Amino acid sequence: MSDAQLRDKIALVTGAGRGIGAAIATRLGAHGAQVIVNYRSSAEEAEAVAASIRAAGGHATPMQGDMADAESTEALFKAVLDEHGTLDLLINNAGIVKDGLLASMREPDWQKVIDLNLTGVMRSTRLALRHMLRARTGSIVNLASIQAIRGGRGQANYAAAKAGVLGLTRAAALEVADRGVRINAVLPGFISTDMTQVIQRRAGDQVLAQIPMGRFGVPEDVAGLVLFLCSDDSAYITGQSFTVDGGLSIA
């Protein structure tokens, strides 16, 4: 892929202050996209990601927005379109976990995960489509999880939300395929990030033993696939779900 294939494309990456989102933003910026590094509260981390992209010769701007809040999300999209006039790429990455066994799970912990991990994806996708359908072009990549297809002890809320993302991806892709807009999903497996540190400390050896490739993933493993799905190299791919898990989902 040419380093300039995404030149002048406007890309919004939600939850991009760290982890997988930061890696995606950095990879898109390295290939010419003008990246909006979204964050909810980690302003310093988002600015550091944007600064790193700019230092490497790219273009990036941090922008605050809480993807679980309707008004905040609408304000973010308005700011992006006011500043750039267009939106070519949307990567729905922002997410949280609130783990607990279902029998004792508090309803607020269920709802918070659904609000961000599923409703937030729906809301931002809908806002992006309002522009992309008029422009008759665009690519949306939704970050799901292998928990959507495997389940996960103590993660009923997370698995349900991510399974919903897969259904949303397929249905929405079908609705807009004839208008030049593509929507796909990526399902990361066990990727070493701040979000997975607790699991890695508690049961890392047990999890590692289940991964056929014999290693945990890193955010860059996911970023490479997202880059492909944003590029013209994937121009005939839509409504699909891709796992990045070292073979965990087939073990």
C-alpha atoms as a PDB file:
ATOM      1  CA  MET A   1       0.000   0.000   0.000  1.00  0.00           C
ATOM      2  CA  SER A   2       1.272   3.445  -0.913  1.00  0.00           C
ATOM      3  CA  ASP A   3       2.072   5.697   2.030  1.00  0.00           C
ATOM      4  CA  ALA A   4      -0.019   8.370   0.336  1.00  0.00           C
ATOM      5  CA  GLN A   5      -3.108   6.251  -0.416  1.00  0.00           C
ATOM      6  CA  LEU A   6      -5.106   7.985   2.309  1.00  0.00           C
ATOM      7  CA  ARG A   7      -3.700  11.442   1.621  1.00  0.00           C
ATOM      8  CA  ASP A   8      -6.184  14.190   2.492  1.00  0.00           C
ATOM      9  CA  LYS A   9      -8.733  11.682   3.818  1.00  0.00           C
ATOM     10  CA  ILE A  10     -10.362  12.890   7.016  1.00  0.00           C
ATOM     11  CA  ALA A  11     -10.409  10.124   9.624  1.00  0.00           C
ATOM     12  CA  LEU A  12     -12.133  10.186  13.005  1.00  0.00           C
ATOM     13  CA  VAL A  13     -10.872   7.578  15.475  1.00  0.00           C
ATOM     14  CA  THR A  14     -12.913   7.414  18.668  1.00  0.00           C
ATOM     15  CA  GLY A  15     -11.210   6.564  21.944  1.00  0.00           C
ATOM     16  CA  ALA A  16      -7.827   7.194  20.362  1.00  0.00           C
ATOM     17  CA  GLY A  17      -5.855   8.460  23.351  1.00  0.00           C
ATOM     18  CA  ARG A  18      -4.242   5.101  24.044  1.00  0.00           C
ATOM     19  CA  GLY A  19      -4.173   1.404  23.221  1.00  0.00           C
ATOM     20  CA  ILE A  20      -5.726   0.147  20.006  1.00  0.00           C
ATOM     21  CA  GLY A  21      -7.226   3.530  19.146  1.00  0.00           C
ATOM     22  CA  ALA A  22      -3.855   5.270  19.408  1.00  0.00           C
ATOM     23  CA  ALA A  23      -2.224   2.636  17.211  1.00  0.00           C
ATOM     24  CA  ILE A  24      -4.951   3.010  14.589  1.00  0.00           C
ATOM     25  CA  ALA A  25      -4.697   6.794  14.594  1.00  0.00           C
ATOM     26  CA  THR A  26      -0.924   6.590  14.244  1.00  0.00           C
ATOM     27  CA  ARG A  27      -1.106   4.105  11.363  1.00  0.00           C
ATOM     28  CA  LEU A  28      -3.689   6.139   9.460  1.00  0.00           C
ATOM     29  CA  GLY A  29      -1.662   9.308   9.984  1.00  0.00           C
ATOM     30  CA  ALA A  30       1.464   7.610   8.665  1.00  0.00           C
ATOM     31  CA  HIS A  31      -0.396   6.808   5.451  1.00  0.00           C
ATOM     32  CA  GLY A  32      -1.556  10.338   4.760  1.00  0.00           C
ATOM     33  CA  ALA A  33      -4.896  10.673   6.547  1.00  0.00           C
ATOM     34  CA  GLN A  34      -5.734  13.775   8.543  1.00  0.00           C
ATOM     35  CA  VAL A  35      -6.652  12.190  11.855  1.00  0.00           C
ATOM     36  CA  ILE A  36      -9.044  13.441  14.508  1.00  0.00           C
ATOM     37  CA  VAL A  37      -7.843  11.846  17.744  1.00  0.00           C
ATOM     38  CA  ASN A  38     -10.990  11.622  19.840  1.00  0.00           C
ATOM     39  CA  TYR A  39     -10.901  11.350  23.620  1.00  0.00           C
ATOM     40  CA  ARG A  40     -13.394  11.572  26.458  1.00  0.00           C
ATOM     41  CA  SER A  41     -11.218  12.663  29.384  1.00  0.00           C
ATOM     42  CA  SER A  42      -7.583  11.792  28.549  1.00  0.00           C
ATOM     43  CA  ALA A  43      -6.687  15.095  26.888  1.00  0.00           C
ATOM     44  CA  GLU A  44      -2.948  14.822  27.559  1.00  0.00           C
ATOM     45  CA  GLU A  45      -2.741  11.320  26.110  1.00  0.00           C
ATOM     46  CA  ALA A  46      -4.690  12.331  23.007  1.00  0.00           C
ATOM     47  CA  GLU A  47      -2.457  15.359  22.467  1.00  0.00           C
ATOM     48  CA  ALA A  48       0.590  13.108  22.789  1.00  0.00           C
ATOM     49  CA  VAL A  49      -0.781  10.803  20.087  1.00  0.00           C
ATOM     50  CA  ALA A  50      -1.544  13.744  17.819  1.00  0.00           C
ATOM     51  CA  ALA A  51       1.873  15.280  18.464  1.00  0.00           C
ATOM     52  CA  SER A  52       3.563  12.005  17.563  1.00  0.00           C
ATOM     53  CA  ILE A  53       1.673  11.868  14.264  1.00  0.00           C
ATOM     54  CA  ARG A  54       2.613  15.462  13.483  1.00  0.00           C
ATOM     55  CA  ALA A  55       6.255  14.843  14.402  1.00  0.00           C
ATOM     56  CA  ALA A  56       6.345  12.064  11.815  1.00  0.00           C
ATOM     57  CA  GLY A  57       5.088  14.456   9.139  1.00  0.00           C
ATOM     58  CA  GLY A  58       1.382  13.716   9.416  1.00  0.00           C
ATOM     59  CA  HIS A  59      -1.669  15.744  10.359  1.00  0.00           C
ATOM     60  CA  ALA A  60      -3.639  15.166  13.546  1.00  0.00           C
ATOM     61  CA  THR A  61      -5.915  17.084  15.898  1.00  0.00           C
ATOM     62  CA  PRO A  62      -7.242  15.965  19.287  1.00  0.00           C
ATOM     63  CA  MET A  63     -10.967  16.523  19.819  1.00  0.00           C
ATOM     64  CA  GLN A  64     -13.003  15.848  22.940  1.00  0.00           C
ATOM     65  CA  GLY A  65     -16.269  13.962  22.800  1.00  0.00           C
ATOM     66  CA  ASP A  66     -18.081  11.453  24.983  1.00  0.00           C
ATOM     67  CA  MET A  67     -19.405   8.795  22.627  1.00  0.00           C
ATOM     68  CA  ALA A  68     -21.874   7.570  25.261  1.00  0.00           C
ATOM     69  CA  ASP A  69     -23.572  10.975  25.329  1.00  0.00           C
ATOM     70  CA  ALA A  70     -25.802  12.031  22.433  1.00  0.00           C
ATOM     71  CA  GLU A  71     -25.223  15.784  22.694  1.00  0.00           C
ATOM     72  CA  SER A  72     -21.470  15.408  23.071  1.00  0.00           C
ATOM     73  CA  THR A  73     -21.272  13.073  20.081  1.00  0.00           C
ATOM     74  CA  GLU A  74     -23.312  15.409  17.899  1.00  0.00           C
ATOM     75  CA  ALA A  75     -21.078  18.318  18.929  1.00  0.00           C
ATOM     76  CA  LEU A  76     -17.981  16.330  17.995  1.00  0.00           C
ATOM     77  CA  PHE A  77     -19.274  15.492  14.517  1.00  0.00           C
ATOM     78  CA  LYS A  78     -20.346  19.078  13.963  1.00  0.00           C
ATOM     79  CA  ALA A  79     -16.864  20.274  14.942  1.00  0.00           C
ATOM     80  CA  VAL A  80     -15.221  17.803  12.562  1.00  0.00           C
ATOM     81  CA  LEU A  81     -17.404  18.839   9.636  1.00  0.00           C
ATOM     82  CA  ASP A  82     -17.124  22.545  10.438  1.00  0.00           C
ATOM     83  CA  GLU A  83     -13.331  22.309  10.475  1.00  0.00           C
ATOM     84  CA  HIS A  84     -12.726  19.866   7.627  1.00  0.00           C
ATOM     85  CA  GLY A  85     -15.869  20.000   5.526  1.00  0.00           C
ATOM     86  CA  THR A  86     -15.978  16.239   5.134  1.00  0.00           C
ATOM     87  CA  LEU A  87     -15.531  12.914   6.885  1.00  0.00           C
ATOM     88  CA  ASP A  88     -14.118  10.007   4.889  1.00  0.00           C
ATOM     89  CA  LEU A  89     -13.247   7.436   7.540  1.00  0.00           C
ATOM     90  CA  LEU A  90     -14.823   6.579  10.891  1.00  0.00           C
ATOM     91  CA  ILE A  91     -13.259   4.078  13.265  1.00  0.00           C
ATOM     92  CA  ASN A  92     -15.590   3.277  16.157  1.00  0.00           C
ATOM     93  CA  ASN A  93     -13.078   2.196  18.780  1.00  0.00           C
ATOM     94  CA  ALA A  94     -14.196   3.794  22.055  1.00  0.00           C
ATOM     95  CA  GLY A  95     -15.295   1.226  24.613  1.00  0.00           C
ATOM     96  CA  ILE A  96     -15.305   0.210  28.262  1.00  0.00           C
ATOM     97  CA  VAL A  97     -15.603  -2.909  30.390  1.00  0.00           C
ATOM     98  CA  LYS A  98     -17.606  -3.321  33.593  1.00  0.00           C
ATOM     99  CA  ASP A  99     -17.036  -6.994  34.343  1.00  0.00           C
ATOM    100  CA  GLY A 100     -19.089  -9.060  36.757  1.00  0.00           C
ATOM    101  CA  LEU A 101     -20.964 -12.333  36.837  1.00  0.00           C
ATOM    102  CA  LEU A 102     -24.428 -11.910  35.349  1.00  0.00           C
ATOM    103  CA  ALA A 103     -26.242 -13.247  38.419  1.00  0.00           C
ATOM    104  CA  SER A 104     -24.899 -10.377  40.506  1.00  0.00           C
ATOM    105  CA  MET A 105     -24.312  -7.747  37.815  1.00  0.00           C
ATOM    106  CA  ARG A 106     -25.663  -4.323  38.674  1.00  0.00           C
ATOM    107  CA  GLU A 107     -27.971  -2.913  36.007  1.00  0.00           C
ATOM    108  CA  PRO A 108     -26.000   0.365  35.816  1.00  0.00           C
ATOM    109  CA  ASP A 109     -22.891  -1.675  34.904  1.00  0.00           C
ATOM    110  CA  TRP A 110     -24.863  -3.411  32.167  1.00  0.00           C
ATOM    111  CA  GLN A 111     -26.270  -0.147  30.875  1.00  0.00           C
ATOM    112  CA  LYS A 112     -22.988   1.790  30.854  1.00  0.00           C
ATOM    113  CA  VAL A 113     -21.367  -0.831  28.646  1.00  0.00           C
ATOM    114  CA  ILE A 114     -24.343  -0.972  26.289  1.00  0.00           C
ATOM    115  CA  ASP A 115     -24.553   2.837  26.140  1.00  0.00           C
ATOM    116  CA  LEU A 116     -20.966   3.256  24.926  1.00  0.00           C
ATOM    117  CA  ASN A 117     -20.050  -0.015  23.249  1.00  0.00           C
ATOM    118  CA  LEU A 118     -23.252  -0.448  21.250  1.00  0.00           C
ATOM    119  CA  THR A 119     -25.471   2.634  21.324  1.00  0.00           C
ATOM    120  CA  GLY A 120     -22.433   4.878  20.922  1.00  0.00           C
ATOM    121  CA  VAL A 121     -21.403   2.960  17.806  1.00  0.00           C
ATOM    122  CA  MET A 122     -24.909   3.200  16.386  1.00  0.00           C
ATOM    123  CA  ARG A 123     -25.083   6.914  17.084  1.00  0.00           C
ATOM    124  CA  SER A 124     -21.715   7.814  15.556  1.00  0.00           C
ATOM    125  CA  THR A 125     -22.343   5.570  12.554  1.00  0.00           C
ATOM    126  CA  ARG A 126     -25.677   7.273  11.938  1.00  0.00           C
ATOM    127  CA  LEU A 127     -24.105  10.730  12.146  1.00  0.00           C
ATOM    128  CA  ALA A 128     -21.282   9.738   9.792  1.00  0.00           C
ATOM    129  CA  LEU A 129     -23.724   8.251   7.292  1.00  0.00           C
ATOM    130  CA  ARG A 130     -25.672  11.493   7.051  1.00  0.00           C
ATOM    131  CA  HIS A 131     -22.594  12.994   5.419  1.00  0.00           C
ATOM    132  CA  MET A 132     -21.129   9.928   3.683  1.00  0.00           C
ATOM    133  CA  LEU A 133     -24.371   9.064   1.898  1.00  0.00           C
ATOM    134  CA  ARG A 134     -24.507  12.541   0.382  1.00  0.00           C
ATOM    135  CA  ALA A 135     -20.861  12.278  -0.627  1.00  0.00           C
ATOM    136  CA  ARG A 136     -21.442   8.706  -1.891  1.00  0.00           C
ATOM    137  CA  THR A 137     -18.169   7.533  -0.380  1.00  0.00           C
ATOM    138  CA  GLY A 138     -16.748   6.521   2.971  1.00  0.00           C
ATOM    139  CA  SER A 139     -15.512   3.637   5.082  1.00  0.00           C
ATOM    140  CA  ILE A 140     -16.571   2.807   8.627  1.00  0.00           C
ATOM    141  CA  VAL A 141     -14.748   0.245  10.751  1.00  0.00           C
ATOM    142  CA  ASN A 142     -16.346  -0.935  13.987  1.00  0.00           C
ATOM    143  CA  LEU A 143     -14.187  -2.464  16.696  1.00  0.00           C
ATOM    144  CA  ALA A 144     -15.985  -5.461  18.156  1.00  0.00           C
ATOM    145  CA  SER A 145     -14.305  -8.341  20.039  1.00  0.00           C
ATOM    146  CA  ILE A 146     -13.941 -12.103  19.842  1.00  0.00           C
ATOM    147  CA  GLN A 147     -16.061 -12.101  23.002  1.00  0.00           C
ATOM    148  CA  ALA A 148     -18.944 -11.366  20.627  1.00  0.00           C
ATOM    149  CA  ILE A 149     -18.618 -14.880  19.207  1.00  0.00           C
ATOM    150  CA  ARG A 150     -17.029 -16.746  22.147  1.00  0.00           C
ATOM    151  CA  GLY A 151     -18.673 -15.145  25.141  1.00  0.00           C
ATOM    152  CA  GLY A 152     -16.631 -14.491  28.239  1.00  0.00           C
ATOM    153  CA  ARG A 153     -17.058 -15.345  31.897  1.00  0.00           C
ATOM    154  CA  GLY A 154     -18.021 -12.182  33.743  1.00  0.00           C
ATOM    155  CA  GLN A 155     -18.524 -10.260  30.489  1.00  0.00           C
ATOM    156  CA  ALA A 156     -22.162 -10.772  29.565  1.00  0.00           C
ATOM    157  CA  ASN A 157     -22.645  -7.027  29.116  1.00  0.00           C
ATOM    158  CA  TYR A 158     -19.490  -6.638  27.012  1.00  0.00           C
ATOM    159  CA  ALA A 159     -20.166  -9.724  24.881  1.00  0.00           C
ATOM    160  CA  ALA A 160     -23.767  -8.671  24.275  1.00  0.00           C
ATOM    161  CA  ALA A 161     -22.731  -5.173  23.226  1.00  0.00           C
ATOM    162  CA  LYS A 162     -20.033  -6.423  20.881  1.00  0.00           C
ATOM    163  CA  ALA A 163     -22.361  -9.034  19.368  1.00  0.00           C
ATOM    164  CA  GLY A 164     -24.763  -6.180  18.754  1.00  0.00           C
ATOM    165  CA  VAL A 165     -21.998  -4.323  16.927  1.00  0.00           C
ATOM    166  CA  LEU A 166     -21.650  -7.274  14.544  1.00  0.00           C
ATOM    167  CA  GLY A 167     -25.375  -7.248  13.783  1.00  0.00           C
ATOM    168  CA  LEU A 168     -25.340  -3.477  13.360  1.00  0.00           C
ATOM    169  CA  THR A 169     -22.373  -3.712  11.008  1.00  0.00           C
ATOM    170  CA  ARG A 170     -24.045  -6.246   8.726  1.00  0.00           C
ATOM    171  CA  ALA A 171     -27.442  -4.532   8.632  1.00  0.00           C
ATOM    172  CA  ALA A 172     -26.049  -1.038   8.104  1.00  0.00           C
ATOM    173  CA  ALA A 173     -23.604  -2.233   5.435  1.00  0.00           C
ATOM    174  CA  LEU A 174     -26.482  -3.763   3.518  1.00  0.00           C
ATOM    175  CA  GLU A 175     -28.440  -0.514   3.673  1.00  0.00           C
ATOM    176  CA  VAL A 176     -25.664   1.671   2.245  1.00  0.00           C
ATOM    177  CA  ALA A 177     -23.652  -0.601  -0.057  1.00  0.00           C
ATOM    178  CA  ASP A 178     -25.208   0.869  -3.196  1.00  0.00           C
ATOM    179  CA  ARG A 179     -24.275   4.389  -2.094  1.00  0.00           C
ATOM    180  CA  GLY A 180     -20.512   3.888  -2.061  1.00  0.00           C
ATOM    181  CA  VAL A 181     -20.158   3.479   1.703  1.00  0.00           C
ATOM    182  CA  ARG A 182     -18.552   0.398   3.259  1.00  0.00           C
ATOM    183  CA  ILE A 183     -18.934  -0.812   6.850  1.00  0.00           C
ATOM    184  CA  ASN A 184     -16.876  -3.639   8.345  1.00  0.00           C
ATOM    185  CA  ALA A 185     -16.025  -4.958  11.792  1.00  0.00           C
ATOM    186  CA  VAL A 186     -12.771  -6.050  13.410  1.00  0.00           C
ATOM    187  CA  LEU A 187     -12.767  -8.495  16.317  1.00  0.00           C
ATOM    188  CA  PRO A 188      -9.577  -8.219  18.383  1.00  0.00           C
ATOM    189  CA  GLY A 189      -8.618 -11.118  20.590  1.00  0.00           C
ATOM    190  CA  PHE A 190      -6.377 -10.735  23.616  1.00  0.00           C
ATOM    191  CA  ILE A 191      -4.479  -7.544  22.824  1.00  0.00           C
ATOM    192  CA  SER A 192      -2.036  -6.139  25.384  1.00  0.00           C
ATOM    193  CA  THR A 193      -3.506  -2.786  26.430  1.00  0.00           C
ATOM    194  CA  ASP A 194      -4.326  -0.955  29.647  1.00  0.00           C
ATOM    195  CA  MET A 195      -7.809  -2.487  29.480  1.00  0.00           C
ATOM    196  CA  THR A 196      -6.454  -6.051  29.538  1.00  0.00           C
ATOM    197  CA  GLN A 197      -3.714  -5.627  32.147  1.00  0.00           C
ATOM    198  CA  VAL A 198      -5.871  -6.982  34.968  1.00  0.00           C
ATOM    199  CA  ILE A 199      -6.685 -10.153  33.028  1.00  0.00           C
ATOM    200  CA  GLN A 200      -3.068 -10.568  31.993  1.00  0.00           C
ATOM    201  CA  ARG A 201      -1.877 -10.327  35.585  1.00  0.00           C
ATOM    202  CA  ARG A 202      -4.587 -12.639  36.900  1.00  0.00           C
ATOM    203  CA  ALA A 203      -4.755 -15.330  34.211  1.00  0.00           C
ATOM    204  CA  GLY A 204      -2.193 -14.431  31.578  1.00  0.00           C
ATOM    205  CA  ASP A 205      -0.529 -17.848  31.428  1.00  0.00           C
ATOM    206  CA  GLN A 206      -3.871 -19.601  31.140  1.00  0.00           C
ATOM    207  CA  VAL A 207      -5.011 -17.318  28.316  1.00  0.00           C
ATOM    208  CA  LEU A 208      -1.695 -17.544  26.507  1.00  0.00           C
ATOM    209  CA  ALA A 209      -1.883 -21.333  26.508  1.00  0.00           C
ATOM    210  CA  GLN A 210      -5.103 -21.091  24.468  1.00  0.00           C
ATOM    211  CA  ILE A 211      -3.618 -18.913  21.706  1.00  0.00           C
ATOM    212  CA  PRO A 212      -2.263 -21.078  18.860  1.00  0.00           C
ATOM    213  CA  MET A 213       0.278 -18.444  17.776  1.00  0.00           C
ATOM    214  CA  GLY A 214       1.728 -18.457  21.284  1.00  0.00           C
ATOM    215  CA  ARG A 215       1.723 -14.728  21.976  1.00  0.00           C
ATOM    216  CA  PHE A 216      -0.561 -11.915  22.987  1.00  0.00           C
ATOM    217  CA  GLY A 217      -1.456  -9.402  20.324  1.00  0.00           C
ATOM    218  CA  VAL A 218      -0.308  -5.808  20.293  1.00  0.00           C
ATOM    219  CA  PRO A 219      -2.360  -2.805  19.170  1.00  0.00           C
ATOM    220  CA  GLU A 220      -0.381  -2.561  15.942  1.00  0.00           C
ATOM    221  CA  ASP A 221      -1.687  -6.005  14.935  1.00  0.00           C
ATOM    222  CA  VAL A 222      -5.190  -4.547  14.869  1.00  0.00           C
ATOM    223  CA  ALA A 223      -4.154  -1.243  13.294  1.00  0.00           C
ATOM    224  CA  GLY A 224      -2.801  -2.972  10.196  1.00  0.00           C
ATOM    225  CA  LEU A 225      -6.150  -4.580   9.417  1.00  0.00           C
ATOM    226  CA  VAL A 226      -8.055  -1.361  10.066  1.00  0.00           C
ATOM    227  CA  LEU A 227      -5.715   0.450   7.673  1.00  0.00           C
ATOM    228  CA  PHE A 228      -6.497  -2.128   4.996  1.00  0.00           C
ATOM    229  CA  LEU A 229     -10.247  -1.756   5.525  1.00  0.00           C
ATOM    230  CA  CYS A 230      -9.928   2.022   5.192  1.00  0.00           C
ATOM    231  CA  SER A 231      -7.948   1.802   1.971  1.00  0.00           C
ATOM    232  CA  ASP A 232      -8.928   1.268  -1.647  1.00  0.00           C
ATOM    233  CA  ASP A 233      -7.334  -2.186  -1.418  1.00  0.00           C
ATOM    234  CA  SER A 234     -10.549  -3.301   0.328  1.00  0.00           C
ATOM    235  CA  ALA A 235     -12.899  -1.478  -2.055  1.00  0.00           C
ATOM    236  CA  TYR A 236     -15.024  -4.603  -2.676  1.00  0.00           C
ATOM    237  CA  ILE A 237     -15.379  -5.632   0.975  1.00  0.00           C
ATOM    238  CA  THR A 238     -18.339  -4.650   3.115  1.00  0.00           C
ATOM    239  CA  GLY A 239     -20.485  -6.120   5.881  1.00  0.00           C
ATOM    240  CA  GLN A 240     -17.704  -8.452   6.978  1.00  0.00           C
ATOM    241  CA  SER A 241     -16.162  -9.312  10.341  1.00  0.00           C
ATOM    242  CA  PHE A 242     -12.460 -10.084  10.736  1.00  0.00           C
ATOM    243  CA  THR A 243     -10.808 -11.625  13.792  1.00  0.00           C
ATOM    244  CA  VAL A 244      -7.329 -10.590  14.923  1.00  0.00           C
ATOM    245  CA  ASP A 245      -6.650 -13.097  17.680  1.00  0.00           C
ATOM    246  CA  GLY A 246      -3.696 -15.323  16.906  1.00  0.00           C
ATOM    247  CA  GLY A 247      -6.097 -18.184  16.219  1.00  0.00           C
ATOM    248  CA  LEU A 248      -7.832 -18.065  19.629  1.00  0.00           C
ATOM    249  CA  SER A 249     -11.331 -18.149  18.146  1.00  0.00           C
ATOM    250  CA  ILE A 250     -10.648 -21.399  16.255  1.00  0.00           C
ATOM    251  CA  ALA A 251      -8.716 -23.185  18.993  1.00  0.00           C
END
